[in-house]
Amino acid sequence: MKRYSTGLPALDKKIEGGLPEKTVVLLSGNIGTGKTLMGLNFLIAGAKKGEKGAYISLNEKEEELLRACKGITSLKQIEKYLNKKIILEHIPLGKMVDLEYFTNIFASFPKVDRLVIDNVNKLLLFAESKKEYRKHLVELIDYLKKRVGVTILLCETLDATLDTNSGEAYEADGVINISFVDVEEKAKRMLGVYKMRYTSFEPRQLYELRVSKTGLKLSDTYMV
């Protein structure tokens, strides 16, 4: 099975080389844990291999995403791939944008190898009910599996939850969560793989995710 590098070599080693082809992976975590940076890093890793990627944002505009990359050496590379191998698309939420509407928008995009959607929380806001949201979520995931090499859905969570409690973790093929954990009286970003179909891995082991001026790096050994 083809695998797509996450952009973090240590993480790739833990999941048999990367994210499985034709899957949708939920990347969840509290605010400020680095989900956006990891999503952009994922696209850059693909661009280096000649793969096409798209970052569809329901939050930040293109200039805001680029500003976040400027302070990190490895992410600054996104500029040379922009509008060539990587598309940054901002979808304003000034009107009703539900999952069905979003799927129709994506259908007009060129075929891509890697896709990051930021984030599912905004789509939930426009659902009339959790039942309707879950139905369209299943339809969207099924659609993305057929059209995209691999998709990462970002999801902002509260406390220790893996999703919004609306079924995202259950429906996704994989779940990676980033959280702040106090280690020796210091808060650290900790990443854990909780689910990854078609993959043998050690579940629920937490590894430190470091975000520095040079880039993102995951520790090789688990800490918790």
Foldseek 3Di string as FASTA:
>chain_A
DDAQALLAVLVCVQWVRHAAWLFEEEEEEAPPLCPLVSQLSSQLSQVVVVFAEEEEEQDDDPVVSCVVQVLAASSVVVVVCYPPRYDYHYDYPPDQDALVNVLVVCVPDDQGAEYEYHACVVNVVRDPDLVRNVVSVLVSSNVCSVGYGYYYHYAHDPDPDQHPPSCPCVSGQWGKYWYWDQDPNDTFIWIFTAHGPPTDGDGPFIWTWDQDSHGIHTDNDGDD
